[in-house]
Amino acid sequence: MKKKAMSTLLVMAMTAMAVGVQAVFSFVSSWNNYFTPALVLHTDTKKTLPILIAQLRSADFLKFDMGQVYVMIAFSIFPVIVVYLLLSKFIVGGVALGGVKG
């Protein structure tokens, strides 16, 4: 029983970097998802930031405010930067582990 617990712990320690990288990629892809929320959500109070940015840019070509678009883009990038900063040690560790020969 003790040997199985040790092997499970060893496997979890070896895959921690891969799980961290996958968590970053999954978060970024779901955060930037445009197609599925555009199909499902119809009320204005539940729309995601990528949908709101696209609607703001296409509202009126001649008089849309680029300042509002840039602020919304900054707000949409901020959570991605925070998640990356929290999990960056896993990405750097995974690259370093994969680049070592022998």
PDB file of N, CA and C in Angstrom:
ATOM      1  N   MET A   1       0.827  -1.196   0.000  1.00  0.00           N
ATOM      2  CA  MET A   1       0.000   0.000   0.000  1.00  0.00           C
ATOM      3  C   MET A   1       0.868   1.255   0.000  1.00  0.00           C
ATOM      4  N   LYS A   2       1.915   1.251   0.789  1.00  0.00           N
ATOM      5  CA  LYS A   2       2.768   2.419   0.878  1.00  0.00           C
ATOM      6  C   LYS A   2       3.517   2.654  -0.432  1.00  0.00           C
ATOM      7  N   LYS A   3       3.890   1.580  -1.119  1.00  0.00           N
ATOM      8  CA  LYS A   3       4.613   1.713  -2.376  1.00  0.00           C
ATOM      9  C   LYS A   3       3.722   2.328  -3.452  1.00  0.00           C
ATOM     10  N   LYS A   4       2.449   1.981  -3.458  1.00  0.00           N
ATOM     11  CA  LYS A   4       1.521   2.543  -4.433  1.00  0.00           C
ATOM     12  C   LYS A   4       1.308   4.037  -4.189  1.00  0.00           C
ATOM     13  N   ALA A   5       1.239   4.431  -2.942  1.00  0.00           N
ATOM     14  CA  ALA A   5       1.077   5.847  -2.623  1.00  0.00           C
ATOM     15  C   ALA A   5       2.302   6.639  -3.043  1.00  0.00           C
ATOM     16  N   MET A   6       3.476   6.077  -2.873  1.00  0.00           N
ATOM     17  CA  MET A   6       4.704   6.756  -3.283  1.00  0.00           C
ATOM     18  C   MET A   6       4.777   6.892  -4.799  1.00  0.00           C
ATOM     19  N   SER A   7       4.361   5.843  -5.521  1.00  0.00           N
ATOM     20  CA  SER A   7       4.403   5.933  -6.978  1.00  0.00           C
ATOM     21  C   SER A   7       3.374   6.944  -7.491  1.00  0.00           C
ATOM     22  N   THR A   8       2.218   7.026  -6.842  1.00  0.00           N
ATOM     23  CA  THR A   8       1.223   8.024  -7.224  1.00  0.00           C
ATOM     24  C   THR A   8       1.746   9.434  -6.970  1.00  0.00           C
ATOM     25  N   LEU A   9       2.415   9.626  -5.849  1.00  0.00           N
ATOM     26  CA  LEU A   9       3.001  10.920  -5.529  1.00  0.00           C
ATOM     27  C   LEU A   9       4.086  11.290  -6.540  1.00  0.00           C
ATOM     28  N   LEU A  10       4.870  10.325  -6.944  1.00  0.00           N
ATOM     29  CA  LEU A  10       5.927  10.566  -7.919  1.00  0.00           C
ATOM     30  C   LEU A  10       5.340  10.959  -9.280  1.00  0.00           C
ATOM     31  N   VAL A  11       4.303  10.267  -9.691  1.00  0.00           N
ATOM     32  CA  VAL A  11       3.657  10.590 -10.972  1.00  0.00           C
ATOM     33  C   VAL A  11       3.041  11.982 -10.921  1.00  0.00           C
ATOM     34  N   MET A  12       2.394  12.336  -9.833  1.00  0.00           N
ATOM     35  CA  MET A  12       1.792  13.658  -9.698  1.00  0.00           C
ATOM     36  C   MET A  12       2.865  14.759  -9.717  1.00  0.00           C
ATOM     37  N   ALA A  13       4.007  14.485  -9.095  1.00  0.00           N
ATOM     38  CA  ALA A  13       5.092  15.473  -9.092  1.00  0.00           C
ATOM     39  C   ALA A  13       5.673  15.652 -10.487  1.00  0.00           C
ATOM     40  N   MET A  14       5.759  14.577 -11.249  1.00  0.00           N
ATOM     41  CA  MET A  14       6.322  14.663 -12.597  1.00  0.00           C
ATOM     42  C   MET A  14       5.363  15.325 -13.583  1.00  0.00           C
ATOM     43  N   THR A  15       4.077  15.205 -13.349  1.00  0.00           N
ATOM     44  CA  THR A  15       3.108  15.777 -14.282  1.00  0.00           C
ATOM     45  C   THR A  15       2.608  17.151 -13.864  1.00  0.00           C
ATOM     46  N   ALA A  16       3.120  17.693 -12.760  1.00  0.00           N
ATOM     47  CA  ALA A  16       2.646  19.000 -12.282  1.00  0.00           C
ATOM     48  C   ALA A  16       2.914  20.096 -13.303  1.00  0.00           C
ATOM     49  N   MET A  17       4.051  20.058 -13.967  1.00  0.00           N
ATOM     50  CA  MET A  17       4.368  21.092 -14.952  1.00  0.00           C
ATOM     51  C   MET A  17       3.453  21.001 -16.170  1.00  0.00           C
ATOM     52  N   ALA A  18       3.182  19.797 -16.609  1.00  0.00           N
ATOM     53  CA  ALA A  18       2.296  19.622 -17.763  1.00  0.00           C
ATOM     54  C   ALA A  18       0.872  20.052 -17.422  1.00  0.00           C
ATOM     55  N   VAL A  19       0.434  19.772 -16.228  1.00  0.00           N
ATOM     56  CA  VAL A  19      -0.910  20.178 -15.803  1.00  0.00           C
ATOM     57  C   VAL A  19      -0.991  21.704 -15.701  1.00  0.00           C
ATOM     58  N   GLY A  20       0.062  22.345 -15.204  1.00  0.00           N
ATOM     59  CA  GLY A  20       0.092  23.808 -15.125  1.00  0.00           C
ATOM     60  C   GLY A  20       0.035  24.460 -16.495  1.00  0.00           C
ATOM     61  N   VAL A  21       0.790  23.937 -17.447  1.00  0.00           N
ATOM     62  CA  VAL A  21       0.773  24.474 -18.815  1.00  0.00           C
ATOM     63  C   VAL A  21      -0.596  24.268 -19.441  1.00  0.00           C
ATOM     64  N   GLN A  22      -1.170  23.098 -19.252  1.00  0.00           N
ATOM     65  CA  GLN A  22      -2.497  22.827 -19.804  1.00  0.00           C
ATOM     66  C   GLN A  22      -3.551  23.724 -19.172  1.00  0.00           C
ATOM     67  N   ALA A  23      -3.399  24.050 -17.895  1.00  0.00           N
ATOM     68  CA  ALA A  23      -4.344  24.949 -17.236  1.00  0.00           C
ATOM     69  C   ALA A  23      -4.281  26.347 -17.844  1.00  0.00           C
ATOM     70  N   VAL A  24      -3.077  26.833 -18.126  1.00  0.00           N
ATOM     71  CA  VAL A  24      -2.934  28.145 -18.762  1.00  0.00           C
ATOM     72  C   VAL A  24      -3.574  28.139 -20.141  1.00  0.00           C
ATOM     73  N   PHE A  25      -3.270  27.127 -20.952  1.00  0.00           N
ATOM     74  CA  PHE A  25      -3.836  27.060 -22.303  1.00  0.00           C
ATOM     75  C   PHE A  25      -5.352  26.916 -22.281  1.00  0.00           C
ATOM     76  N   SER A  26      -5.885  26.130 -21.374  1.00  0.00           N
ATOM     77  CA  SER A  26      -7.338  25.952 -21.283  1.00  0.00           C
ATOM     78  C   SER A  26      -8.023  27.241 -20.860  1.00  0.00           C
ATOM     79  N   PHE A  27      -7.436  27.942 -19.902  1.00  0.00           N
ATOM     80  CA  PHE A  27      -8.031  29.197 -19.458  1.00  0.00           C
ATOM     81  C   PHE A  27      -8.038  30.230 -20.579  1.00  0.00           C
ATOM     82  N   VAL A  28      -6.923  30.367 -21.281  1.00  0.00           N
ATOM     83  CA  VAL A  28      -6.841  31.361 -22.358  1.00  0.00           C
ATOM     84  C   VAL A  28      -7.822  31.030 -23.479  1.00  0.00           C
ATOM     85  N   SER A  29      -7.927  29.766 -23.845  1.00  0.00           N
ATOM     86  CA  SER A  29      -8.848  29.411 -24.930  1.00  0.00           C
ATOM     87  C   SER A  29     -10.303  29.594 -24.522  1.00  0.00           C
ATOM     88  N   SER A  30     -10.652  29.299 -23.290  1.00  0.00           N
ATOM     89  CA  SER A  30     -12.038  29.501 -22.878  1.00  0.00           C
ATOM     90  C   SER A  30     -12.339  30.976 -22.632  1.00  0.00           C
ATOM     91  N   TRP A  31     -11.352  31.746 -22.187  1.00  0.00           N
ATOM     92  CA  TRP A  31     -11.561  33.173 -21.955  1.00  0.00           C
ATOM     93  C   TRP A  31     -11.773  33.915 -23.277  1.00  0.00           C
ATOM     94  N   ASN A  32     -11.051  33.521 -24.312  1.00  0.00           N
ATOM     95  CA  ASN A  32     -11.136  34.200 -25.600  1.00  0.00           C
ATOM     96  C   ASN A  32     -12.172  33.583 -26.526  1.00  0.00           C
ATOM     97  N   ASN A  33     -12.952  32.654 -26.036  1.00  0.00           N
ATOM     98  CA  ASN A  33     -13.947  31.996 -26.881  1.00  0.00           C
ATOM     99  C   ASN A  33     -15.007  33.005 -27.326  1.00  0.00           C
ATOM    100  N   TYR A  34     -15.257  33.039 -28.607  1.00  0.00           N
ATOM    101  CA  TYR A  34     -16.243  33.972 -29.153  1.00  0.00           C
ATOM    102  C   TYR A  34     -17.451  33.243 -29.721  1.00  0.00           C
ATOM    103  N   PHE A  35     -17.218  32.148 -30.404  1.00  0.00           N
ATOM    104  CA  PHE A  35     -18.269  31.515 -31.193  1.00  0.00           C
ATOM    105  C   PHE A  35     -19.390  30.932 -30.339  1.00  0.00           C
ATOM    106  N   THR A  36     -19.065  30.104 -29.363  1.00  0.00           N
ATOM    107  CA  THR A  36     -20.098  29.455 -28.561  1.00  0.00           C
ATOM    108  C   THR A  36     -20.927  30.443 -27.742  1.00  0.00           C
ATOM    109  N   PRO A  37     -20.313  31.393 -27.022  1.00  0.00           N
ATOM    110  CA  PRO A  37     -21.161  32.365 -26.309  1.00  0.00           C
ATOM    111  C   PRO A  37     -22.001  33.229 -27.247  1.00  0.00           C
ATOM    112  N   ALA A  38     -21.500  33.500 -28.444  1.00  0.00           N
ATOM    113  CA  ALA A  38     -22.287  34.297 -29.395  1.00  0.00           C
ATOM    114  C   ALA A  38     -23.533  33.540 -29.843  1.00  0.00           C
ATOM    115  N   LEU A  39     -23.443  32.217 -29.900  1.00  0.00           N
ATOM    116  CA  LEU A  39     -24.604  31.413 -30.280  1.00  0.00           C
ATOM    117  C   LEU A  39     -25.591  31.238 -29.135  1.00  0.00           C
ATOM    118  N   VAL A  40     -25.088  31.111 -27.925  1.00  0.00           N
ATOM    119  CA  VAL A  40     -25.923  30.734 -26.791  1.00  0.00           C
ATOM    120  C   VAL A  40     -26.529  31.940 -26.073  1.00  0.00           C
ATOM    121  N   LEU A  41     -25.740  32.978 -25.853  1.00  0.00           N
ATOM    122  CA  LEU A  41     -26.192  34.106 -25.040  1.00  0.00           C
ATOM    123  C   LEU A  41     -26.908  35.144 -25.897  1.00  0.00           C
ATOM    124  N   HIS A  42     -28.078  35.570 -25.434  1.00  0.00           N
ATOM    125  CA  HIS A  42     -28.852  36.536 -26.201  1.00  0.00           C
ATOM    126  C   HIS A  42     -29.160  37.811 -25.416  1.00  0.00           C
ATOM    127  N   THR A  43     -29.038  37.783 -24.096  1.00  0.00           N
ATOM    128  CA  THR A  43     -29.308  38.989 -23.315  1.00  0.00           C
ATOM    129  C   THR A  43     -28.016  39.792 -23.158  1.00  0.00           C
ATOM    130  N   ASP A  44     -28.143  41.093 -23.108  1.00  0.00           N
ATOM    131  CA  ASP A  44     -26.967  41.962 -23.029  1.00  0.00           C
ATOM    132  C   ASP A  44     -26.240  41.854 -21.695  1.00  0.00           C
ATOM    133  N   THR A  45     -26.933  41.478 -20.636  1.00  0.00           N
ATOM    134  CA  THR A  45     -26.299  41.415 -19.323  1.00  0.00           C
ATOM    135  C   THR A  45     -25.400  40.196 -19.154  1.00  0.00           C
ATOM    136  N   LYS A  46     -25.526  39.192 -20.009  1.00  0.00           N
ATOM    137  CA  LYS A  46     -24.753  37.964 -19.869  1.00  0.00           C
ATOM    138  C   LYS A  46     -23.678  37.791 -20.936  1.00  0.00           C
ATOM    139  N   LYS A  47     -23.468  38.769 -21.787  1.00  0.00           N
ATOM    140  CA  LYS A  47     -22.503  38.624 -22.876  1.00  0.00           C
ATOM    141  C   LYS A  47     -21.075  38.727 -22.351  1.00  0.00           C
ATOM    142  N   THR A  48     -20.177  38.029 -23.001  1.00  0.00           N
ATOM    143  CA  THR A  48     -18.773  38.019 -22.596  1.00  0.00           C
ATOM    144  C   THR A  48     -18.035  39.204 -23.210  1.00  0.00           C
ATOM    145  N   LEU A  49     -16.821  39.449 -22.719  1.00  0.00           N
ATOM    146  CA  LEU A  49     -16.048  40.599 -23.209  1.00  0.00           C
ATOM    147  C   LEU A  49     -15.714  40.516 -24.699  1.00  0.00           C
ATOM    148  N   PRO A  50     -15.303  39.370 -25.257  1.00  0.00           N
ATOM    149  CA  PRO A  50     -15.047  39.348 -26.701  1.00  0.00           C
ATOM    150  C   PRO A  50     -16.281  39.701 -27.537  1.00  0.00           C
ATOM    151  N   ILE A  51     -17.460  39.295 -27.089  1.00  0.00           N
ATOM    152  CA  ILE A  51     -18.683  39.635 -27.819  1.00  0.00           C
ATOM    153  C   ILE A  51     -18.965  41.128 -27.709  1.00  0.00           C
ATOM    154  N   LEU A  52     -18.792  41.692 -26.510  1.00  0.00           N
ATOM    155  CA  LEU A  52     -19.029  43.123 -26.328  1.00  0.00           C
ATOM    156  C   LEU A  52     -18.035  43.969 -27.125  1.00  0.00           C
ATOM    157  N   ILE A  53     -16.791  43.530 -27.189  1.00  0.00           N
ATOM    158  CA  ILE A  53     -15.798  44.266 -27.980  1.00  0.00           C
ATOM    159  C   ILE A  53     -16.168  44.243 -29.456  1.00  0.00           C
ATOM    160  N   ALA A  54     -16.584  43.081 -29.954  1.00  0.00           N
ATOM    161  CA  ALA A  54     -16.978  42.985 -31.363  1.00  0.00           C
ATOM    162  C   ALA A  54     -18.213  43.826 -31.645  1.00  0.00           C
ATOM    163  N   GLN A  55     -19.167  43.848 -30.719  1.00  0.00           N
ATOM    164  CA  GLN A  55     -20.370  44.663 -30.920  1.00  0.00           C
ATOM    165  C   GLN A  55     -20.044  46.149 -30.874  1.00  0.00           C
ATOM    166  N   LEU A  56     -19.131  46.531 -30.000  1.00  0.00           N
ATOM    167  CA  LEU A  56     -18.768  47.942 -29.902  1.00  0.00           C
ATOM    168  C   LEU A  56     -18.026  48.405 -31.155  1.00  0.00           C
ATOM    169  N   ARG A  57     -17.189  47.550 -31.689  1.00  0.00           N
ATOM    170  CA  ARG A  57     -16.450  47.909 -32.903  1.00  0.00           C
ATOM    171  C   ARG A  57     -17.347  47.966 -34.126  1.00  0.00           C
ATOM    172  N   SER A  58     -18.383  47.150 -34.165  1.00  0.00           N
ATOM    173  CA  SER A  58     -19.238  47.117 -35.357  1.00  0.00           C
ATOM    174  C   SER A  58     -20.512  47.934 -35.184  1.00  0.00           C
ATOM    175  N   ALA A  59     -20.648  48.670 -34.093  1.00  0.00           N
ATOM    176  CA  ALA A  59     -21.882  49.433 -33.847  1.00  0.00           C
ATOM    177  C   ALA A  59     -22.101  50.482 -34.923  1.00  0.00           C
ATOM    178  N   ASP A  60     -21.162  51.355 -35.101  1.00  0.00           N
ATOM    179  CA  ASP A  60     -21.249  52.377 -36.139  1.00  0.00           C
ATOM    180  C   ASP A  60     -19.831  52.656 -36.595  1.00  0.00           C
ATOM    181  N   PHE A  61     -19.569  52.416 -37.853  1.00  0.00           N
ATOM    182  CA  PHE A  61     -18.205  52.481 -38.353  1.00  0.00           C
ATOM    183  C   PHE A  61     -17.608  53.880 -38.235  1.00  0.00           C
ATOM    184  N   LEU A  62     -18.411  54.912 -38.376  1.00  0.00           N
ATOM    185  CA  LEU A  62     -17.865  56.268 -38.404  1.00  0.00           C
ATOM    186  C   LEU A  62     -17.737  56.909 -37.034  1.00  0.00           C
ATOM    187  N   LYS A  63     -18.519  56.484 -36.053  1.00  0.00           N
ATOM    188  CA  LYS A  63     -18.454  57.173 -34.770  1.00  0.00           C
ATOM    189  C   LYS A  63     -18.314  56.259 -33.555  1.00  0.00           C
ATOM    190  N   PHE A  64     -17.632  55.153 -33.680  1.00  0.00           N
ATOM    191  CA  PHE A  64     -17.374  54.363 -32.479  1.00  0.00           C
ATOM    192  C   PHE A  64     -16.116  54.898 -31.809  1.00  0.00           C
ATOM    193  N   ASP A  65     -16.092  54.796 -30.482  1.00  0.00           N
ATOM    194  CA  ASP A  65     -15.015  55.358 -29.675  1.00  0.00           C
ATOM    195  C   ASP A  65     -13.913  54.319 -29.482  1.00  0.00           C
ATOM    196  N   MET A  66     -12.741  54.577 -30.047  1.00  0.00           N
ATOM    197  CA  MET A  66     -11.639  53.631 -29.922  1.00  0.00           C
ATOM    198  C   MET A  66     -11.117  53.565 -28.485  1.00  0.00           C
ATOM    199  N   GLY A  67     -11.307  54.622 -27.703  1.00  0.00           N
ATOM    200  CA  GLY A  67     -10.890  54.587 -26.304  1.00  0.00           C
ATOM    201  C   GLY A  67     -11.631  53.525 -25.517  1.00  0.00           C
ATOM    202  N   GLN A  68     -12.941  53.410 -25.743  1.00  0.00           N
ATOM    203  CA  GLN A  68     -13.730  52.368 -25.078  1.00  0.00           C
ATOM    204  C   GLN A  68     -13.286  50.980 -25.518  1.00  0.00           C
ATOM    205  N   VAL A  69     -12.979  50.828 -26.791  1.00  0.00           N
ATOM    206  CA  VAL A  69     -12.518  49.529 -27.294  1.00  0.00           C
ATOM    207  C   VAL A  69     -11.200  49.151 -26.637  1.00  0.00           C
ATOM    208  N   TYR A  70     -10.279  50.098 -26.537  1.00  0.00           N
ATOM    209  CA  TYR A  70      -8.980  49.804 -25.931  1.00  0.00           C
ATOM    210  C   TYR A  70      -9.102  49.495 -24.442  1.00  0.00           C
ATOM    211  N   VAL A  71      -9.990  50.169 -23.743  1.00  0.00           N
ATOM    212  CA  VAL A  71     -10.201  49.881 -22.322  1.00  0.00           C
ATOM    213  C   VAL A  71     -10.787  48.482 -22.149  1.00  0.00           C
ATOM    214  N   MET A  72     -11.737  48.119 -23.000  1.00  0.00           N
ATOM    215  CA  MET A  72     -12.315  46.774 -22.906  1.00  0.00           C
ATOM    216  C   MET A  72     -11.286  45.700 -23.246  1.00  0.00           C
ATOM    217  N   ILE A  73     -10.418  45.972 -24.212  1.00  0.00           N
ATOM    218  CA  ILE A  73      -9.355  45.015 -24.538  1.00  0.00           C
ATOM    219  C   ILE A  73      -8.397  44.876 -23.357  1.00  0.00           C
ATOM    220  N   ALA A  74      -8.069  45.988 -22.708  1.00  0.00           N
ATOM    221  CA  ALA A  74      -7.187  45.922 -21.536  1.00  0.00           C
ATOM    222  C   ALA A  74      -7.831  45.113 -20.414  1.00  0.00           C
ATOM    223  N   PHE A  75      -9.131  45.312 -20.187  1.00  0.00           N
ATOM    224  CA  PHE A  75      -9.834  44.526 -19.160  1.00  0.00           C
ATOM    225  C   PHE A  75      -9.901  43.051 -19.532  1.00  0.00           C
ATOM    226  N   SER A  76      -9.974  42.745 -20.811  1.00  0.00           N
ATOM    227  CA  SER A  76     -10.051  41.346 -21.205  1.00  0.00           C
ATOM    228  C   SER A  76      -8.687  40.661 -21.154  1.00  0.00           C
ATOM    229  N   ILE A  77      -7.603  41.422 -21.247  1.00  0.00           N
ATOM    230  CA  ILE A  77      -6.262  40.842 -21.192  1.00  0.00           C
ATOM    231  C   ILE A  77      -5.784  40.669 -19.751  1.00  0.00           C
ATOM    232  N   PHE A  78      -6.241  41.495 -18.835  1.00  0.00           N
ATOM    233  CA  PHE A  78      -5.765  41.474 -17.452  1.00  0.00           C
ATOM    234  C   PHE A  78      -5.892  40.106 -16.765  1.00  0.00           C
ATOM    235  N   PRO A  79      -7.048  39.404 -16.822  1.00  0.00           N
ATOM    236  CA  PRO A  79      -7.121  38.088 -16.171  1.00  0.00           C
ATOM    237  C   PRO A  79      -6.164  37.059 -16.772  1.00  0.00           C
ATOM    238  N   VAL A  80      -5.924  37.141 -18.074  1.00  0.00           N
ATOM    239  CA  VAL A  80      -4.990  36.215 -18.716  1.00  0.00           C
ATOM    240  C   VAL A  80      -3.576  36.456 -18.190  1.00  0.00           C
ATOM    241  N   ILE A  81      -3.199  37.709 -18.015  1.00  0.00           N
ATOM    242  CA  ILE A  81      -1.876  38.026 -17.479  1.00  0.00           C
ATOM    243  C   ILE A  81      -1.745  37.537 -16.039  1.00  0.00           C
ATOM    244  N   VAL A  82      -2.783  37.689 -15.244  1.00  0.00           N
ATOM    245  CA  VAL A  82      -2.739  37.233 -13.851  1.00  0.00           C
ATOM    246  C   VAL A  82      -2.579  35.710 -13.778  1.00  0.00           C
ATOM    247  N   VAL A  83      -3.348  34.984 -14.589  1.00  0.00           N
ATOM    248  CA  VAL A  83      -3.242  33.515 -14.591  1.00  0.00           C
ATOM    249  C   VAL A  83      -1.860  33.092 -15.068  1.00  0.00           C
ATOM    250  N   TYR A  84      -1.344  33.756 -16.083  1.00  0.00           N
ATOM    251  CA  TYR A  84      -0.002  33.416 -16.553  1.00  0.00           C
ATOM    252  C   TYR A  84       1.048  33.678 -15.474  1.00  0.00           C
ATOM    253  N   LEU A  85       0.952  34.804 -14.782  1.00  0.00           N
ATOM    254  CA  LEU A  85       1.929  35.102 -13.736  1.00  0.00           C
ATOM    255  C   LEU A  85       1.866  34.087 -12.597  1.00  0.00           C
ATOM    256  N   LEU A  86       0.665  33.607 -12.288  1.00  0.00           N
ATOM    257  CA  LEU A  86       0.532  32.607 -11.221  1.00  0.00           C
ATOM    258  C   LEU A  86       1.091  31.249 -11.636  1.00  0.00           C
ATOM    259  N   LEU A  87       0.976  30.897 -12.909  1.00  0.00           N
ATOM    260  CA  LEU A  87       1.394  29.571 -13.364  1.00  0.00           C
ATOM    261  C   LEU A  87       2.642  29.592 -14.244  1.00  0.00           C
ATOM    262  N   SER A  88       3.349  30.716 -14.291  1.00  0.00           N
ATOM    263  CA  SER A  88       4.512  30.813 -15.175  1.00  0.00           C
ATOM    264  C   SER A  88       5.652  29.902 -14.745  1.00  0.00           C
ATOM    265  N   LYS A  89       5.760  29.599 -13.468  1.00  0.00           N
ATOM    266  CA  LYS A  89       6.840  28.715 -13.024  1.00  0.00           C
ATOM    267  C   LYS A  89       6.679  27.314 -13.616  1.00  0.00           C
ATOM    268  N   PHE A  90       5.433  26.889 -13.860  1.00  0.00           N
ATOM    269  CA  PHE A  90       5.220  25.592 -14.484  1.00  0.00           C
ATOM    270  C   PHE A  90       5.621  25.612 -15.955  1.00  0.00           C
ATOM    271  N   ILE A  91       5.369  26.701 -16.635  1.00  0.00           N
ATOM    272  CA  ILE A  91       5.737  26.806 -18.043  1.00  0.00           C
ATOM    273  C   ILE A  91       7.246  26.836 -18.185  1.00  0.00           C
ATOM    274  N   VAL A  92       7.920  27.642 -17.364  1.00  0.00           N
ATOM    275  CA  VAL A  92       9.387  27.725 -17.435  1.00  0.00           C
ATOM    276  C   VAL A  92      10.002  26.389 -17.044  1.00  0.00           C
ATOM    277  N   GLY A  93       9.460  25.757 -16.018  1.00  0.00           N
ATOM    278  CA  GLY A  93       9.965  24.449 -15.595  1.00  0.00           C
ATOM    279  C   GLY A  93       9.759  23.382 -16.645  1.00  0.00           C
ATOM    280  N   GLY A  94       8.620  23.423 -17.348  1.00  0.00           N
ATOM    281  CA  GLY A  94       8.364  22.450 -18.406  1.00  0.00           C
ATOM    282  C   GLY A  94       9.289  22.624 -19.579  1.00  0.00           C
ATOM    283  N   VAL A  95       9.579  23.850 -19.935  1.00  0.00           N
ATOM    284  CA  VAL A  95      10.509  24.118 -21.025  1.00  0.00           C
ATOM    285  C   VAL A  95      11.917  23.698 -20.634  1.00  0.00           C
ATOM    286  N   ALA A  96      12.315  23.995 -19.407  1.00  0.00           N
ATOM    287  CA  ALA A  96      13.644  23.612 -18.941  1.00  0.00           C
ATOM    288  C   ALA A  96      13.783  22.103 -18.836  1.00  0.00           C
ATOM    289  N   LEU A  97      12.739  21.429 -18.394  1.00  0.00           N
ATOM    290  CA  LEU A  97      12.787  19.973 -18.269  1.00  0.00           C
ATOM    291  C   LEU A  97      12.823  19.305 -19.630  1.00  0.00           C
ATOM    292  N   GLY A  98      12.093  19.843 -20.590  1.00  0.00           N
ATOM    293  CA  GLY A  98      12.079  19.264 -21.926  1.00  0.00           C
ATOM    294  C   GLY A  98      13.329  19.570 -22.720  1.00  0.00           C
ATOM    295  N   GLY A  99      14.070  20.610 -22.360  1.00  0.00           N
ATOM    296  CA  GLY A  99      15.261  20.999 -23.109  1.00  0.00           C
ATOM    297  C   GLY A  99      16.534  20.320 -22.621  1.00  0.00           C
ATOM    298  N   VAL A 100      16.479  19.579 -21.525  1.00  0.00           N
ATOM    299  CA  VAL A 100      17.659  18.930 -20.979  1.00  0.00           C
ATOM    300  C   VAL A 100      17.812  17.548 -21.600  1.00  0.00           C
ATOM    301  N   LYS A 101      18.984  17.271 -22.148  1.00  0.00           N
ATOM    302  CA  LYS A 101      19.240  15.952 -22.734  1.00  0.00           C
ATOM    303  C   LYS A 101      19.889  15.054 -21.698  1.00  0.00           C
ATOM    304  N   GLY A 102      19.528  13.782 -21.791  1.00  0.00           N
ATOM    305  CA  GLY A 102      20.206  12.788 -20.959  1.00  0.00           C
ATOM    306  C   GLY A 102      19.667  12.776 -19.635  1.00  0.00           C
TER     307      GLY A 102
END
